[in-house]
Amino acid sequence: MTLTINKERLASTFTTLCEIDSPSKKEGKIADHLKNIFSELGADFLYEDNSAPKTGAETGNLIIRFNGNLPGGEGLFLACHMDTVQPGEGIKVVRNGTIFTSEGDTILGGDDKSGIASIIELLTILKENKTRHSTIEIILTTCEEIGLLGAKSLEHDKLKTKFGYALDSSGTNQVIIGAPAAMRIDVEVCGVAAHAGLCPEAGINALTLTASALTRISQGRIDKDSTRNFGVIQGGVAANIVPEKITLQGEVRSHSPAKLDQYSREVEKIFRDEVAQWRGNEATGDKRPSVTVDTVNDYPALTLDHNEPVIKLIKKSSALGTKDISYIISGGGSDASIFCGYGLPTAIISTGMKNVHTVNESLDLEDLVNLTELLYTMTTFDK
C-alpha cells in the first residue's frame, strides 16, 4: 500500500501531548493518558513497572507490546521518555504553518513528545489499515532529564525484543551510533568557620581551597574523546563568615574507558593534594581541612557497529524509503546508553526538535511525518 500520514491527526496528537504537564517526577497524567491511548489501539501487553519508589516519580516506566504477524523477525522496541525539563508546566502550543513553538514562556516539550507522537501515529496507521508488522515494543521512561533514573530502574527483563531505537535527539535524518560513558563526581571540601572580620586567622577557608584546586583541573574538552565539567558549586552561609563547607557536582565523559578513569582519578588526586599541602597557623592550631570525593559510574558508553542488526535494519529501511541518513557520534548521554548497558543495542534517531531545553524550542511537522514514515518502513517490510 501507499503510505499516507494523516498530518493533521499527527499534529493534534503532538499538541495534546505537549500540553499535558509532565516535568520530571510528575509524569502521572501523561502516563495515564498514554495507557488509555495504547489500550484503545489494542496493545497485547501494557505494564507499569515498579520503578516509582526508586525514582520518586508519580508513575513507573511503561512497557507496551503489540505482537507482530510478520514471519522471521524478533521485532524491535521504540523508546521515549515521558518527562520534560522546566519551565514545562502550563505549556500552550503555537502553530505557524508546519512549525510548532510554545507561547514563549515555557519549553515546547518536543523533547521527547515528538517521538511519542510519531509512535502513536505509526500504530494508528497499522491498525486502521490492518497492516502486517513485526513485534513492536514501546518503552516510556520517567525522570530521563534528571539522570536517566527511569531507565536505570527499568524492569528490562519484561522485554521480548532484543534491540531498538530511542527517538530522542535534535537534528533531522540522523542516527547516533556512538556516545560517551560518564562518571559523576561529588566533592565536599570542609574547613573551619570563623568570623571574617574579628578572627579570620582562626578559619580554614573551604572556598579558597576549592578555588585553588579547580585552577589546576582542566575543564571543557580535554581531548577528542573526553570532556570534564563542574556545574554545581554550593557553600557558605554569610559574607562575614569564613566558609566552612563547599560542595561541588561535576562529571567526566569519555568514549575511552581508560581516559574516563584517568580524568576522574585526576580530580580526586588534585583535591587531596590541595588539602594535604595546606599549612595552618597559631590560630588554627591542630585543626585541618578535609575533602571527600565520591565517583559514581553514571552511564556506560554507547558503541554500535554498522554490521549490528540494529544498524543494518535502519540502513535497509532508509534505503527503501529513499531517506539519506547520517550516522554520527554524539557527546551526550541518554536512555539508550542505559539500554546498551543491559545488553540491548539501542541507536538514537533524531526527531527534528530544535533548541531543546529552552523557551525557543521548535519542531517542524514535516520532520514528524518523516520520522513516522521511517518507523513504518522499519516495522512493516519482511526482513
Protein backbone atom coordinates (compact mmCIF):
# COMPACT_ATOMS: atom_id res chain seq x y z
CA MET A 1 0.00 0.00 0.00
CA THR A 2 1.00 3.63 -0.45
CA LEU A 3 1.61 5.12 2.95
CA THR A 4 -0.36 8.23 3.76
CA ILE A 5 0.38 10.01 7.01
CA ASN A 6 -2.59 11.87 8.48
CA LYS A 7 -0.66 15.07 9.14
CA GLU A 8 -3.44 16.88 10.98
CA ARG A 9 -4.05 13.93 13.28
CA LEU A 10 -0.31 13.74 13.97
CA ALA A 11 -0.22 17.48 14.68
CA SER A 12 -3.18 17.19 17.05
CA THR A 13 -1.60 14.25 18.88
CA PHE A 14 1.66 16.14 19.31
CA THR A 15 -0.11 19.28 20.57
CA THR A 16 -2.18 17.33 23.08
CA LEU A 17 0.89 15.55 24.45
CA CYS A 18 2.86 18.77 24.83
CA GLU A 19 0.04 20.46 26.72
CA ILE A 20 -0.11 17.70 29.35
CA ASP A 21 2.27 18.74 32.12
CA SER A 22 4.96 16.14 32.80
CA PRO A 23 8.06 17.63 34.42
CA SER A 24 10.43 15.06 35.86
CA LYS A 25 8.84 13.05 38.70
CA LYS A 26 5.37 14.37 37.74
CA GLU A 27 4.65 12.08 34.80
CA GLY A 28 1.42 10.64 36.25
CA LYS A 29 -1.01 12.50 33.95
CA ILE A 30 0.86 11.74 30.75
CA ALA A 31 1.28 8.09 31.76
CA ASP A 32 -2.47 7.72 32.35
CA HIS A 33 -3.21 9.41 29.01
CA LEU A 34 -0.83 7.10 27.16
CA LYS A 35 -2.15 3.98 28.86
CA ASN A 36 -5.61 4.86 27.52
CA ILE A 37 -4.32 5.51 24.01
CA PHE A 38 -2.32 2.29 23.72
CA SER A 39 -5.14 0.28 25.27
CA GLU A 40 -7.56 1.65 22.66
CA LEU A 41 -5.06 0.78 19.93
CA GLY A 42 -5.21 -2.85 21.07
CA ALA A 43 -1.97 -3.37 22.96
CA ASP A 44 -1.29 -7.03 23.71
CA PHE A 45 0.73 -6.16 26.81
CA LEU A 46 0.64 -2.97 28.87
CA TYR A 47 2.73 -2.89 32.02
CA GLU A 48 3.72 -0.21 34.51
CA ASP A 49 6.89 -1.32 36.25
CA ASN A 50 7.79 -0.86 39.91
CA SER A 51 10.44 1.83 39.42
CA ALA A 52 8.46 4.69 41.04
CA PRO A 53 9.65 4.05 44.62
CA LYS A 54 13.24 4.19 43.36
CA THR A 55 12.88 7.29 41.18
CA GLY A 56 10.39 9.24 43.26
CA ALA A 57 8.14 9.66 40.22
CA GLU A 58 4.35 9.58 40.26
CA THR A 59 4.39 6.57 37.96
CA GLY A 60 6.64 3.76 36.88
CA ASN A 61 8.02 3.25 33.41
CA LEU A 62 5.60 1.86 30.83
CA ILE A 63 6.27 -1.16 28.64
CA ILE A 64 3.73 -1.79 25.88
CA ARG A 65 3.76 -4.59 23.32
CA PHE A 66 1.98 -5.04 20.01
CA ASN A 67 2.55 -8.60 18.81
CA GLY A 68 3.69 -8.91 15.21
CA ASN A 69 2.44 -11.09 12.38
CA LEU A 70 5.41 -10.93 10.03
CA PRO A 71 7.44 -14.16 9.86
CA GLY A 72 11.09 -14.48 10.69
CA GLY A 73 11.69 -11.48 12.90
CA GLU A 74 12.09 -10.80 16.60
CA GLY A 75 10.78 -7.27 16.28
CA LEU A 76 12.15 -4.13 17.85
CA PHE A 77 11.49 -1.64 20.62
CA LEU A 78 10.93 2.10 20.36
CA ALA A 79 11.84 4.16 23.43
CA CYS A 80 10.97 7.68 24.54
CA HIS A 81 10.88 9.46 27.88
CA MET A 82 7.72 11.00 29.28
CA ASP A 83 9.28 13.77 31.36
CA THR A 84 10.31 17.26 30.32
CA VAL A 85 12.60 19.91 31.75
CA GLN A 86 11.36 23.11 33.32
CA PRO A 87 9.80 25.55 32.58
CA GLY A 88 7.41 22.89 31.38
CA GLU A 89 4.11 23.48 33.15
CA GLY A 90 1.16 25.27 31.57
CA ILE A 91 2.55 24.82 28.03
CA LYS A 92 0.45 26.33 25.25
CA VAL A 93 1.44 25.19 21.79
CA VAL A 94 1.53 27.75 18.98
CA ARG A 95 1.39 26.55 15.37
CA ASN A 96 2.51 28.66 12.42
CA GLY A 97 2.14 26.62 9.26
CA THR A 98 4.11 23.46 9.95
CA ILE A 99 6.18 24.95 12.79
CA PHE A 100 5.30 24.34 16.44
CA THR A 101 6.56 26.54 19.29
CA SER A 102 5.36 27.47 22.76
CA GLU A 103 3.97 30.88 23.60
CA GLY A 104 7.50 31.78 24.69
CA ASP A 105 7.44 31.48 28.47
CA THR A 106 7.84 27.68 28.57
CA ILE A 107 9.58 24.97 26.62
CA LEU A 108 7.59 23.25 23.87
CA GLY A 109 8.06 19.69 25.07
CA GLY A 110 9.15 18.11 21.80
CA ASP A 111 11.87 16.50 23.91
CA ASP A 112 10.55 13.86 23.98
CA LYS A 113 6.89 14.05 23.00
CA SER A 114 7.82 14.29 19.33
CA GLY A 115 8.92 10.66 19.45
CA ILE A 116 5.80 9.57 21.34
CA ALA A 117 3.52 11.32 18.82
CA SER A 118 5.19 9.51 15.91
CA ILE A 119 4.80 6.14 17.66
CA ILE A 120 1.09 6.77 18.22
CA GLU A 121 0.57 7.73 14.57
CA LEU A 122 2.51 4.65 13.43
CA LEU A 123 0.36 2.29 15.48
CA THR A 124 -2.83 4.06 14.42
CA ILE A 125 -1.93 3.60 10.75
CA LEU A 126 -1.06 -0.05 11.27
CA LYS A 127 -4.38 -0.68 12.99
CA GLU A 128 -6.68 1.19 10.63
CA ASN A 129 -5.10 -0.45 7.56
CA LYS A 130 -4.69 -3.89 9.20
CA THR A 131 -1.06 -3.80 8.08
CA ARG A 132 1.19 -6.75 8.85
CA HIS A 133 4.09 -5.71 11.05
CA SER A 134 6.86 -7.07 13.23
CA THR A 135 6.51 -7.14 17.01
CA ILE A 136 6.73 -3.59 18.36
CA GLU A 137 7.53 -2.87 21.99
CA ILE A 138 7.34 0.62 23.39
CA ILE A 139 9.39 1.78 26.37
CA LEU A 140 8.28 5.02 28.01
CA THR A 141 10.54 6.09 30.85
CA THR A 142 10.35 8.60 33.66
CA CYS A 143 12.96 11.01 35.01
CA GLU A 144 15.25 10.89 31.98
CA GLU A 145 16.05 14.56 32.25
CA ILE A 146 17.37 14.31 35.81
CA GLY A 147 19.82 11.47 35.43
CA LEU A 148 18.20 8.72 33.33
CA LEU A 149 16.62 7.49 36.55
CA GLY A 150 13.68 5.67 35.00
CA ALA A 151 15.86 3.75 32.55
CA LYS A 152 18.25 2.81 35.34
CA SER A 153 15.37 1.18 37.21
CA LEU A 154 13.59 -0.30 34.19
CA GLU A 155 12.37 -3.89 34.52
CA HIS A 156 14.02 -4.73 31.21
CA ASP A 157 13.52 -8.46 31.76
CA LYS A 158 9.91 -7.86 30.69
CA LEU A 159 11.04 -7.07 27.14
CA LYS A 160 10.79 -9.67 24.38
CA THR A 161 12.67 -7.75 21.69
CA LYS A 162 16.47 -7.66 21.66
CA PHE A 163 17.31 -4.28 20.12
CA GLY A 164 15.66 -0.98 19.38
CA TYR A 165 15.73 2.76 18.94
CA ALA A 166 15.43 5.76 21.22
CA LEU A 167 13.53 8.54 19.47
CA ASP A 168 15.25 11.34 21.31
CA SER A 169 17.68 13.63 19.52
CA SER A 170 17.81 17.02 17.86
CA GLY A 171 18.51 17.26 14.17
CA THR A 172 16.98 15.72 11.08
CA ASN A 173 17.68 12.35 9.44
CA GLN A 174 20.43 11.49 11.90
CA VAL A 175 21.15 8.31 13.82
CA ILE A 176 23.53 8.34 16.77
CA ILE A 177 25.66 5.20 16.91
CA GLY A 178 28.22 6.33 19.49
CA ALA A 179 28.11 8.26 22.76
CA PRO A 180 30.48 8.52 25.73
CA ALA A 181 30.37 6.89 29.12
CA ALA A 182 30.07 9.27 32.07
CA MET A 183 31.39 9.40 35.61
CA ARG A 184 29.63 11.59 38.17
CA ILE A 185 31.92 13.29 40.69
CA ASP A 186 30.75 14.76 44.02
CA VAL A 187 33.28 16.70 46.07
CA GLU A 188 32.92 18.05 49.62
CA VAL A 189 35.65 20.31 50.99
CA CYS A 190 35.45 21.04 54.72
CA GLY A 191 37.33 23.80 56.54
CA VAL A 192 36.64 25.70 59.75
CA ALA A 193 34.22 28.61 60.13
CA ALA A 194 35.35 31.86 61.78
CA HIS A 195 34.26 35.48 61.91
CA ALA A 196 35.71 37.06 58.79
CA GLY A 197 36.23 40.43 60.45
CA LEU A 198 37.18 39.62 64.05
CA CYS A 199 39.33 36.49 63.68
CA PRO A 200 39.74 35.30 60.08
CA GLU A 201 43.07 33.72 61.05
CA ALA A 202 41.17 31.07 63.03
CA GLY A 203 39.24 29.95 59.98
CA ILE A 204 40.10 27.48 57.26
CA ASN A 205 38.53 28.77 54.06
CA ALA A 206 36.97 25.87 52.17
CA LEU A 207 36.21 28.13 49.22
CA THR A 208 39.84 29.16 48.82
CA LEU A 209 40.93 25.54 48.88
CA THR A 210 38.27 24.65 46.33
CA ALA A 211 39.18 27.51 44.01
CA SER A 212 42.87 26.64 44.17
CA ALA A 213 42.15 23.02 43.26
CA LEU A 214 39.85 24.00 40.39
CA THR A 215 42.52 26.18 38.80
CA ARG A 216 44.60 23.01 38.40
CA ILE A 217 41.80 20.96 36.84
CA SER A 218 41.33 21.43 33.11
CA GLN A 219 37.69 21.62 32.10
CA GLY A 220 35.73 21.64 28.86
CA ARG A 221 37.06 19.47 26.05
CA ILE A 222 40.11 17.64 27.35
CA ASP A 223 40.85 15.72 24.15
CA LYS A 224 38.97 14.36 21.14
CA ASP A 225 37.36 11.66 23.28
CA SER A 226 36.75 13.39 26.60
CA THR A 227 35.15 16.31 28.43
CA ARG A 228 35.10 17.39 32.06
CA ASN A 229 32.91 19.90 33.86
CA PHE A 230 31.90 21.12 37.31
CA GLY A 231 28.40 22.53 37.01
CA VAL A 232 27.20 22.99 40.60
CA ILE A 233 29.14 24.72 43.39
CA GLN A 234 27.45 25.45 46.72
CA GLY A 235 28.55 26.66 50.14
CA GLY A 236 28.97 29.44 52.63
CA VAL A 237 26.36 30.96 54.89
CA ALA A 238 27.19 34.68 55.16
CA ALA A 239 29.58 37.28 53.77
CA ASN A 240 31.16 37.79 57.19
CA ILE A 241 31.85 34.11 57.90
CA VAL A 242 34.83 32.18 56.58
CA PRO A 243 33.13 29.41 54.53
CA GLU A 244 33.32 26.09 56.31
CA LYS A 245 32.00 23.77 53.62
CA ILE A 246 31.87 23.77 49.82
CA THR A 247 30.23 21.06 47.75
CA LEU A 248 30.68 20.52 44.03
CA GLN A 249 28.97 18.35 41.45
CA GLY A 250 30.79 17.51 38.27
CA GLU A 251 31.27 14.91 35.60
CA VAL A 252 33.76 13.36 33.24
CA ARG A 253 32.67 11.92 29.90
CA SER A 254 34.77 9.90 27.51
CA HIS A 255 34.49 7.44 24.66
CA SER A 256 37.61 5.80 26.12
CA PRO A 257 37.20 3.77 29.35
CA ALA A 258 40.88 4.32 30.20
CA LYS A 259 40.60 8.08 29.84
CA LEU A 260 37.35 8.16 31.81
CA ASP A 261 39.17 6.51 34.70
CA GLN A 262 42.28 8.68 34.30
CA TYR A 263 40.48 12.02 34.26
CA SER A 264 38.22 11.03 37.16
CA ARG A 265 41.15 9.94 39.31
CA GLU A 266 42.96 13.16 38.45
CA VAL A 267 40.18 15.21 40.07
CA GLU A 268 40.44 13.24 43.31
CA LYS A 269 44.23 13.49 43.40
CA ILE A 270 44.27 17.24 42.89
CA PHE A 271 41.75 17.90 45.65
CA ARG A 272 43.53 15.58 48.08
CA ASP A 273 46.90 17.18 47.27
CA GLU A 274 45.44 20.63 47.84
CA VAL A 275 44.20 19.68 51.31
CA ALA A 276 47.40 17.83 52.18
CA GLN A 277 49.64 20.81 51.39
CA TRP A 278 47.60 23.27 53.46
CA ARG A 279 49.54 24.83 56.31
CA GLY A 280 47.90 26.28 59.40
CA ASN A 281 48.95 28.89 61.94
CA GLU A 282 48.81 29.51 65.64
CA ALA A 283 45.15 30.49 65.48
CA THR A 284 44.03 27.33 63.69
CA GLY A 285 46.06 25.09 65.99
CA ASP A 286 45.76 21.42 65.18
CA LYS A 287 42.63 21.87 63.06
CA ARG A 288 42.91 20.74 59.44
CA PRO A 289 40.75 20.79 56.33
CA SER A 290 39.39 17.60 54.80
CA VAL A 291 37.95 16.50 51.49
CA THR A 292 35.63 13.73 50.36
CA VAL A 293 35.47 12.73 46.71
CA ASP A 294 32.82 10.27 45.52
CA THR A 295 32.85 8.97 41.95
CA VAL A 296 29.94 7.03 40.52
CA ASN A 297 29.58 5.44 37.10
CA ASP A 298 26.64 7.38 35.69
CA TYR A 299 26.08 5.54 32.42
CA PRO A 300 28.04 3.31 30.04
CA ALA A 301 29.27 4.14 26.55
CA LEU A 302 27.07 3.60 23.52
CA THR A 303 29.06 1.95 20.73
CA LEU A 304 27.31 0.37 17.77
CA ASP A 305 28.91 -1.30 14.77
CA HIS A 306 27.48 -0.84 11.29
CA ASN A 307 27.14 -4.62 10.98
CA GLU A 308 24.90 -4.98 14.03
CA PRO A 309 21.23 -5.83 13.33
CA VAL A 310 20.04 -2.58 14.92
CA ILE A 311 22.01 -0.55 12.35
CA LYS A 312 21.53 -2.87 9.39
CA LEU A 313 17.74 -2.63 9.82
CA ILE A 314 17.61 1.16 9.75
CA LYS A 315 20.00 1.28 6.80
CA LYS A 316 17.77 -1.06 4.78
CA SER A 317 14.67 0.84 5.84
CA SER A 318 16.07 4.26 4.96
CA ALA A 319 17.17 2.94 1.54
CA LEU A 320 13.67 1.60 0.87
CA GLY A 321 12.21 4.91 1.92
CA THR A 322 14.84 6.86 -0.06
CA LYS A 323 15.94 8.76 3.02
CA ASP A 324 19.53 9.98 3.25
CA ILE A 325 20.51 9.33 6.87
CA SER A 326 23.73 10.39 8.59
CA TYR A 327 25.31 8.16 11.24
CA ILE A 328 27.05 10.26 13.86
CA ILE A 329 28.91 10.20 17.17
CA SER A 330 27.45 12.30 19.99
CA GLY A 331 28.78 13.74 23.21
CA GLY A 332 25.53 13.34 25.13
CA GLY A 333 24.02 10.68 27.34
CA SER A 334 20.52 9.22 27.05
CA ASP A 335 18.34 6.27 27.98
CA ALA A 336 19.91 4.49 25.00
CA SER A 337 23.20 4.29 26.89
CA ILE A 338 21.46 2.53 29.78
CA PHE A 339 19.70 0.10 27.45
CA CYS A 340 23.01 -0.74 25.77
CA GLY A 341 24.39 -1.46 29.24
CA TYR A 342 21.60 -4.03 29.65
CA GLY A 343 22.82 -5.79 26.51
CA LEU A 344 20.06 -4.26 24.37
CA PRO A 345 21.73 -2.44 21.45
CA THR A 346 19.95 0.88 21.00
CA ALA A 347 20.52 3.53 18.35
CA ILE A 348 19.19 7.06 18.76
CA ILE A 349 17.05 8.52 15.98
CA SER A 350 16.61 12.27 15.61
CA THR A 351 13.06 13.62 15.70
CA GLY A 352 13.66 17.10 14.30
CA MET A 353 13.39 19.05 17.55
CA LYS A 354 15.41 22.26 17.75
CA ASN A 355 16.64 24.47 20.63
CA VAL A 356 15.55 21.91 23.21
CA HIS A 357 15.59 22.85 26.89
CA THR A 358 14.91 26.49 26.01
CA VAL A 359 11.82 28.65 25.58
CA ASN A 360 12.84 29.00 21.92
CA GLU A 361 12.25 25.29 21.24
CA SER A 362 10.56 24.44 17.95
CA LEU A 363 9.58 21.49 15.80
CA ASP A 364 8.55 21.12 12.16
CA LEU A 365 5.55 18.87 11.46
CA GLU A 366 7.30 17.61 8.32
CA ASP A 367 10.06 16.13 10.50
CA LEU A 368 7.44 14.22 12.49
CA VAL A 369 5.99 12.94 9.23
CA ASN A 370 9.42 11.81 8.01
CA LEU A 371 10.09 10.04 11.31
CA THR A 372 6.76 8.23 11.17
CA GLU A 373 7.44 7.12 7.60
CA LEU A 374 10.81 5.70 8.65
CA LEU A 375 9.27 3.83 11.60
CA TYR A 376 6.59 2.44 9.31
CA THR A 377 9.17 1.05 6.89
CA MET A 378 11.24 -0.43 9.71
CA THR A 379 8.29 -2.29 11.18
CA THR A 380 6.46 -3.47 8.06
CA PHE A 381 8.87 -4.81 5.47
CA ASP A 382 9.60 -8.52 5.55
CA LYS A 383 13.19 -8.82 6.71
